[in-house]
Amino acid sequence: DTAIPEARRAIVVAALERGCDVIAEKPF
């Protein structure tokens, strides 16, 4: 996930719920 920070929650939560590990740009 290298999208803008405001999109992080939606992207990371969706990916985790689909069984993916996630590597993202800062911030958390």
PDB file of all heavy atoms in Angstrom:
ATOM      1  N   ASP A   1       0.838  -1.195   0.000  1.00  0.00           N
ATOM      2  CA  ASP A   1       0.000   0.000   0.000  1.00  0.00           C
ATOM      3  C   ASP A   1       0.875   1.248   0.000  1.00  0.00           C
ATOM      4  O   ASP A   1       1.499   1.576   1.009  1.00  0.00           O
ATOM      5  CB  ASP A   1      -0.913  -0.013   1.223  1.00  0.00           C
ATOM      6  CG  ASP A   1      -1.761   1.246   1.343  1.00  0.00           C
ATOM      7  OD1 ASP A   1      -1.835   2.013   0.361  1.00  0.00           O
ATOM      8  OD2 ASP A   1      -2.341   1.470   2.417  1.00  0.00           O
ATOM      9  N   THR A   2       0.922   1.931  -1.142  1.00  0.00           N
ATOM     10  CA  THR A   2       1.635   3.208  -1.238  1.00  0.00           C
ATOM     11  C   THR A   2       0.673   4.350  -1.550  1.00  0.00           C
ATOM     12  O   THR A   2       1.088   5.407  -2.015  1.00  0.00           O
ATOM     13  CB  THR A   2       2.733   3.151  -2.316  1.00  0.00           C
ATOM     14  OG1 THR A   2       2.119   2.952  -3.599  1.00  0.00           O
ATOM     15  CG2 THR A   2       3.715   2.031  -2.042  1.00  0.00           C
ATOM     16  N   ALA A   3      -0.608   4.133  -1.287  1.00  0.00           N
ATOM     17  CA  ALA A   3      -1.626   5.163  -1.542  1.00  0.00           C
ATOM     18  C   ALA A   3      -1.521   6.275  -0.502  1.00  0.00           C
ATOM     19  O   ALA A   3      -0.745   6.182   0.468  1.00  0.00           O
ATOM     20  CB  ALA A   3      -3.020   4.536  -1.519  1.00  0.00           C
ATOM     21  N   ILE A   4      -2.315   7.327  -0.668  1.00  0.00           N
ATOM     22  CA  ILE A   4      -2.288   8.443   0.275  1.00  0.00           C
ATOM     23  C   ILE A   4      -2.749   7.961   1.648  1.00  0.00           C
ATOM     24  O   ILE A   4      -3.530   7.001   1.756  1.00  0.00           O
ATOM     25  CB  ILE A   4      -3.152   9.624  -0.215  1.00  0.00           C
ATOM     26  CG1 ILE A   4      -4.618   9.191  -0.363  1.00  0.00           C
ATOM     27  CG2 ILE A   4      -2.601  10.171  -1.521  1.00  0.00           C
ATOM     28  CD1 ILE A   4      -5.552  10.352  -0.685  1.00  0.00           C
ATOM     29  N   PRO A   5      -2.286   8.603   2.731  1.00  0.00           N
ATOM     30  CA  PRO A   5      -2.621   8.122   4.081  1.00  0.00           C
ATOM     31  C   PRO A   5      -4.121   8.003   4.343  1.00  0.00           C
ATOM     32  O   PRO A   5      -4.551   7.083   5.048  1.00  0.00           O
ATOM     33  CB  PRO A   5      -1.981   9.180   4.993  1.00  0.00           C
ATOM     34  CG  PRO A   5      -0.841   9.719   4.193  1.00  0.00           C
ATOM     35  CD  PRO A   5      -1.321   9.717   2.764  1.00  0.00           C
ATOM     36  N   GLU A   6      -4.912   8.904   3.787  1.00  0.00           N
ATOM     37  CA  GLU A   6      -6.354   8.879   4.046  1.00  0.00           C
ATOM     38  C   GLU A   6      -7.018   7.599   3.558  1.00  0.00           C
ATOM     39  O   GLU A   6      -8.097   7.230   4.030  1.00  0.00           O
ATOM     40  CB  GLU A   6      -7.010  10.098   3.409  1.00  0.00           C
ATOM     41  CG  GLU A   6      -6.720  11.418   4.102  1.00  0.00           C
ATOM     42  CD  GLU A   6      -5.306  11.924   3.854  1.00  0.00           C
ATOM     43  OE1 GLU A   6      -4.641  11.434   2.906  1.00  0.00           O
ATOM     44  OE2 GLU A   6      -4.849  12.796   4.627  1.00  0.00           O
ATOM     45  N   ALA A   7      -6.392   6.911   2.626  1.00  0.00           N
ATOM     46  CA  ALA A   7      -6.954   5.663   2.106  1.00  0.00           C
ATOM     47  C   ALA A   7      -6.448   4.435   2.845  1.00  0.00           C
ATOM     48  O   ALA A   7      -6.907   3.322   2.572  1.00  0.00           O
ATOM     49  CB  ALA A   7      -6.632   5.542   0.619  1.00  0.00           C
ATOM     50  N   ARG A   8      -5.530   4.621   3.790  1.00  0.00           N
ATOM     51  CA  ARG A   8      -4.841   3.468   4.383  1.00  0.00           C
ATOM     52  C   ARG A   8      -5.792   2.516   5.095  1.00  0.00           C
ATOM     53  O   ARG A   8      -5.718   1.298   4.936  1.00  0.00           O
ATOM     54  CB  ARG A   8      -3.749   3.953   5.337  1.00  0.00           C
ATOM     55  CG  ARG A   8      -2.904   2.830   5.925  1.00  0.00           C
ATOM     56  CD  ARG A   8      -1.439   3.051   5.710  1.00  0.00           C
ATOM     57  NE  ARG A   8      -1.147   3.375   4.333  1.00  0.00           N
ATOM     58  CZ  ARG A   8      -0.366   4.405   3.957  1.00  0.00           C
ATOM     59  NH1 ARG A   8       0.198   5.174   4.871  1.00  0.00           N
ATOM     60  NH2 ARG A   8      -0.138   4.636   2.692  1.00  0.00           N
ATOM     61  N   ARG A   9      -6.679   3.042   5.917  1.00  0.00           N
ATOM     62  CA  ARG A   9      -7.565   2.171   6.694  1.00  0.00           C
ATOM     63  C   ARG A   9      -8.377   1.260   5.782  1.00  0.00           C
ATOM     64  O   ARG A   9      -8.422   0.036   5.999  1.00  0.00           O
ATOM     65  CB  ARG A   9      -8.486   3.013   7.560  1.00  0.00           C
ATOM     66  CG  ARG A   9      -9.567   2.222   8.292  1.00  0.00           C
ATOM     67  CD  ARG A   9     -10.392   3.143   9.161  1.00  0.00           C
ATOM     68  NE  ARG A   9     -11.500   2.456   9.813  1.00  0.00           N
ATOM     69  CZ  ARG A   9     -12.305   3.036  10.716  1.00  0.00           C
ATOM     70  NH1 ARG A   9     -12.087   4.291  11.073  1.00  0.00           N
ATOM     71  NH2 ARG A   9     -13.282   2.346  11.266  1.00  0.00           N
ATOM     72  N   ALA A  10      -9.010   1.827   4.773  1.00  0.00           N
ATOM     73  CA  ALA A  10      -9.865   1.034   3.890  1.00  0.00           C
ATOM     74  C   ALA A  10      -9.061  -0.039   3.177  1.00  0.00           C
ATOM     75  O   ALA A  10      -9.496  -1.197   3.063  1.00  0.00           O
ATOM     76  CB  ALA A  10     -10.570   1.941   2.879  1.00  0.00           C
ATOM     77  N   ILE A  11      -7.879   0.319   2.687  1.00  0.00           N
ATOM     78  CA  ILE A  11      -7.060  -0.636   1.938  1.00  0.00           C
ATOM     79  C   ILE A  11      -6.550  -1.745   2.842  1.00  0.00           C
ATOM     80  O   ILE A  11      -6.665  -2.941   2.532  1.00  0.00           O
ATOM     81  CB  ILE A  11      -5.887   0.094   1.257  1.00  0.00           C
ATOM     82  CG1 ILE A  11      -6.404   1.060   0.184  1.00  0.00           C
ATOM     83  CG2 ILE A  11      -4.893  -0.903   0.668  1.00  0.00           C
ATOM     84  CD1 ILE A  11      -5.364   2.034  -0.307  1.00  0.00           C
ATOM     85  N   VAL A  12      -5.971  -1.373   3.980  1.00  0.00           N
ATOM     86  CA  VAL A  12      -5.342  -2.362   4.856  1.00  0.00           C
ATOM     87  C   VAL A  12      -6.382  -3.301   5.457  1.00  0.00           C
ATOM     88  O   VAL A  12      -6.189  -4.528   5.489  1.00  0.00           O
ATOM     89  CB  VAL A  12      -4.519  -1.660   5.957  1.00  0.00           C
ATOM     90  CG1 VAL A  12      -3.977  -2.687   6.949  1.00  0.00           C
ATOM     91  CG2 VAL A  12      -3.375  -0.865   5.347  1.00  0.00           C
ATOM     92  N   VAL A  13      -7.499  -2.756   5.933  1.00  0.00           N
ATOM     93  CA  VAL A  13      -8.529  -3.601   6.534  1.00  0.00           C
ATOM     94  C   VAL A  13      -9.087  -4.579   5.496  1.00  0.00           C
ATOM     95  O   VAL A  13      -9.253  -5.774   5.771  1.00  0.00           O
ATOM     96  CB  VAL A  13      -9.650  -2.748   7.148  1.00  0.00           C
ATOM     97  CG1 VAL A  13     -10.846  -3.607   7.542  1.00  0.00           C
ATOM     98  CG2 VAL A  13      -9.129  -1.991   8.369  1.00  0.00           C
ATOM     99  N   ALA A  14      -9.376  -4.100   4.296  1.00  0.00           N
ATOM    100  CA  ALA A  14      -9.899  -4.984   3.248  1.00  0.00           C
ATOM    101  C   ALA A  14      -8.912  -6.088   2.921  1.00  0.00           C
ATOM    102  O   ALA A  14      -9.296  -7.262   2.759  1.00  0.00           O
ATOM    103  CB  ALA A  14     -10.232  -4.169   1.999  1.00  0.00           C
ATOM    104  N   ALA A  15      -7.625  -5.732   2.823  1.00  0.00           N
ATOM    105  CA  ALA A  15      -6.608  -6.737   2.492  1.00  0.00           C
ATOM    106  C   ALA A  15      -6.459  -7.768   3.610  1.00  0.00           C
ATOM    107  O   ALA A  15      -6.368  -8.973   3.350  1.00  0.00           O
ATOM    108  CB  ALA A  15      -5.280  -6.048   2.217  1.00  0.00           C
ATOM    109  N   LEU A  16      -6.424  -7.315   4.853  1.00  0.00           N
ATOM    110  CA  LEU A  16      -6.317  -8.246   5.975  1.00  0.00           C
ATOM    111  C   LEU A  16      -7.507  -9.193   6.012  1.00  0.00           C
ATOM    112  O   LEU A  16      -7.347 -10.406   6.247  1.00  0.00           O
ATOM    113  CB  LEU A  16      -6.216  -7.465   7.290  1.00  0.00           C
ATOM    114  CG  LEU A  16      -4.936  -6.657   7.515  1.00  0.00           C
ATOM    115  CD1 LEU A  16      -5.081  -5.775   8.742  1.00  0.00           C
ATOM    116  CD2 LEU A  16      -3.722  -7.559   7.657  1.00  0.00           C
ATOM    117  N   GLU A  17      -8.693  -8.651   5.788  1.00  0.00           N
ATOM    118  CA  GLU A  17      -9.894  -9.489   5.844  1.00  0.00           C
ATOM    119  C   GLU A  17      -9.934 -10.512   4.719  1.00  0.00           C
ATOM    120  O   GLU A  17     -10.641 -11.515   4.822  1.00  0.00           O
ATOM    121  CB  GLU A  17     -11.131  -8.598   5.831  1.00  0.00           C
ATOM    122  CG  GLU A  17     -11.299  -7.817   7.141  1.00  0.00           C
ATOM    123  CD  GLU A  17     -12.491  -6.901   7.139  1.00  0.00           C
ATOM    124  OE1 GLU A  17     -13.022  -6.605   6.036  1.00  0.00           O
ATOM    125  OE2 GLU A  17     -12.902  -6.455   8.237  1.00  0.00           O
ATOM    126  N   ARG A  18      -9.181 -10.269   3.643  1.00  0.00           N
ATOM    127  CA  ARG A  18      -9.083 -11.233   2.555  1.00  0.00           C
ATOM    128  C   ARG A  18      -7.902 -12.191   2.737  1.00  0.00           C
ATOM    129  O   ARG A  18      -7.552 -12.949   1.827  1.00  0.00           O
ATOM    130  CB  ARG A  18      -8.934 -10.492   1.218  1.00  0.00           C
ATOM    131  CG  ARG A  18     -10.249  -9.993   0.667  1.00  0.00           C
ATOM    132  CD  ARG A  18     -10.989 -11.121  -0.029  1.00  0.00           C
ATOM    133  NE  ARG A  18     -12.323 -10.729  -0.480  1.00  0.00           N
ATOM    134  CZ  ARG A  18     -13.100 -11.473  -1.238  1.00  0.00           C
ATOM    135  NH1 ARG A  18     -12.681 -12.667  -1.639  1.00  0.00           N
ATOM    136  NH2 ARG A  18     -14.294 -11.064  -1.588  1.00  0.00           N
ATOM    137  N   GLY A  19      -7.258 -12.128   3.900  1.00  0.00           N
ATOM    138  CA  GLY A  19      -6.185 -13.072   4.190  1.00  0.00           C
ATOM    139  C   GLY A  19      -4.823 -12.669   3.678  1.00  0.00           C
ATOM    140  O   GLY A  19      -3.930 -13.524   3.557  1.00  0.00           O
ATOM    141  N   CYS A  20      -4.631 -11.383   3.378  1.00  0.00           N
ATOM    142  CA  CYS A  20      -3.339 -10.899   2.870  1.00  0.00           C
ATOM    143  C   CYS A  20      -2.491 -10.335   4.001  1.00  0.00           C
ATOM    144  O   CYS A  20      -3.009  -9.715   4.937  1.00  0.00           O
ATOM    145  CB  CYS A  20      -3.552  -9.794   1.838  1.00  0.00           C
ATOM    146  SG  CYS A  20      -4.536 -10.267   0.417  1.00  0.00           S
ATOM    147  N   ASP A  21      -1.175 -10.498   3.896  1.00  0.00           N
ATOM    148  CA  ASP A  21      -0.255  -9.681   4.665  1.00  0.00           C
ATOM    149  C   ASP A  21      -0.121  -8.339   3.947  1.00  0.00           C
ATOM    150  O   ASP A  21      -0.264  -8.268   2.722  1.00  0.00           O
ATOM    151  CB  ASP A  21       1.113 -10.350   4.772  1.00  0.00           C
ATOM    152  CG  ASP A  21       1.064 -11.645   5.570  1.00  0.00           C
ATOM    153  OD1 ASP A  21       0.330 -11.693   6.568  1.00  0.00           O
ATOM    154  OD2 ASP A  21       1.749 -12.604   5.176  1.00  0.00           O
ATOM    155  N   VAL A  22       0.164  -7.283   4.711  1.00  0.00           N
ATOM    156  CA  VAL A  22       0.225  -5.942   4.127  1.00  0.00           C
ATOM    157  C   VAL A  22       1.541  -5.277   4.503  1.00  0.00           C
ATOM    158  O   VAL A  22       1.966  -5.314   5.666  1.00  0.00           O
ATOM    159  CB  VAL A  22      -0.945  -5.060   4.603  1.00  0.00           C
ATOM    160  CG1 VAL A  22      -0.859  -3.671   3.953  1.00  0.00           C
ATOM    161  CG2 VAL A  22      -2.282  -5.718   4.280  1.00  0.00           C
ATOM    162  N   ILE A  23       2.188  -4.702   3.497  1.00  0.00           N
ATOM    163  CA  ILE A  23       3.340  -3.822   3.688  1.00  0.00           C
ATOM    164  C   ILE A  23       2.916  -2.443   3.201  1.00  0.00           C
ATOM    165  O   ILE A  23       2.418  -2.318   2.080  1.00  0.00           O
ATOM    166  CB  ILE A  23       4.569  -4.299   2.890  1.00  0.00           C
ATOM    167  CG1 ILE A  23       4.966  -5.725   3.288  1.00  0.00           C
ATOM    168  CG2 ILE A  23       5.739  -3.352   3.094  1.00  0.00           C
ATOM    169  CD1 ILE A  23       6.098  -6.292   2.447  1.00  0.00           C
ATOM    170  N   ALA A  24       3.094  -1.428   4.029  1.00  0.00           N
ATOM    171  CA  ALA A  24       2.580  -0.105   3.666  1.00  0.00           C
ATOM    172  C   ALA A  24       3.610   0.981   3.900  1.00  0.00           C
ATOM    173  O   ALA A  24       4.523   0.848   4.714  1.00  0.00           O
ATOM    174  CB  ALA A  24       1.316   0.217   4.465  1.00  0.00           C
ATOM    175  N   GLU A  25       3.429   2.064   3.168  1.00  0.00           N
ATOM    176  CA  GLU A  25       4.181   3.285   3.437  1.00  0.00           C
ATOM    177  C   GLU A  25       3.777   3.817   4.813  1.00  0.00           C
ATOM    178  O   GLU A  25       2.688   3.520   5.322  1.00  0.00           O
ATOM    179  CB  GLU A  25       3.895   4.347   2.372  1.00  0.00           C
ATOM    180  CG  GLU A  25       4.999   4.504   1.339  1.00  0.00           C
ATOM    181  CD  GLU A  25       6.310   4.964   1.938  1.00  0.00           C
ATOM    182  OE1 GLU A  25       6.341   5.517   3.056  1.00  0.00           O
ATOM    183  OE2 GLU A  25       7.342   4.746   1.287  1.00  0.00           O
ATOM    184  N   LYS A  26       4.661   4.626   5.410  1.00  0.00           N
ATOM    185  CA  LYS A  26       4.251   5.319   6.622  1.00  0.00           C
ATOM    186  C   LYS A  26       3.234   6.401   6.227  1.00  0.00           C
ATOM    187  O   LYS A  26       3.180   6.803   5.051  1.00  0.00           O
ATOM    188  CB  LYS A  26       5.466   5.908   7.353  1.00  0.00           C
ATOM    189  CG  LYS A  26       6.325   6.869   6.490  1.00  0.00           C
ATOM    190  CD  LYS A  26       5.725   8.242   6.357  1.00  0.00           C
ATOM    191  CE  LYS A  26       6.481   9.072   5.353  1.00  0.00           C
ATOM    192  NZ  LYS A  26       5.740  10.259   4.924  1.00  0.00           N
ATOM    193  N   PRO A  27       2.409   6.848   7.172  1.00  0.00           N
ATOM    194  CA  PRO A  27       2.334   6.397   8.549  1.00  0.00           C
ATOM    195  C   PRO A  27       1.448   5.169   8.693  1.00  0.00           C
ATOM    196  O   PRO A  27       0.746   4.797   7.745  1.00  0.00           O
ATOM    197  CB  PRO A  27       1.710   7.592   9.258  1.00  0.00           C
ATOM    198  CG  PRO A  27       0.772   8.162   8.232  1.00  0.00           C
ATOM    199  CD  PRO A  27       1.498   7.987   6.918  1.00  0.00           C
ATOM    200  N   PHE A  28       1.484   4.563   9.861  1.00  0.00           N
ATOM    201  CA  PHE A  28       0.651   3.403  10.188  1.00  0.00           C
ATOM    202  C   PHE A  28      -0.788   3.654   9.755  1.00  0.00           C
ATOM    203  O   PHE A  28      -1.421   2.817   9.115  1.00  0.00           O
ATOM    204  CB  PHE A  28       0.715   3.190  11.699  1.00  0.00           C
ATOM    205  CG  PHE A  28       0.062   1.934  12.204  1.00  0.00           C
ATOM    206  CD1 PHE A  28       0.847   0.876  12.620  1.00  0.00           C
ATOM    207  CD2 PHE A  28      -1.316   1.829  12.312  1.00  0.00           C
ATOM    208  CE1 PHE A  28       0.256  -0.289  13.120  1.00  0.00           C
ATOM    209  CE2 PHE A  28      -1.907   0.676  12.795  1.00  0.00           C
ATOM    210  CZ  PHE A  28      -1.120  -0.385  13.196  1.00  0.00           C
TER     211      PHE A  28
END
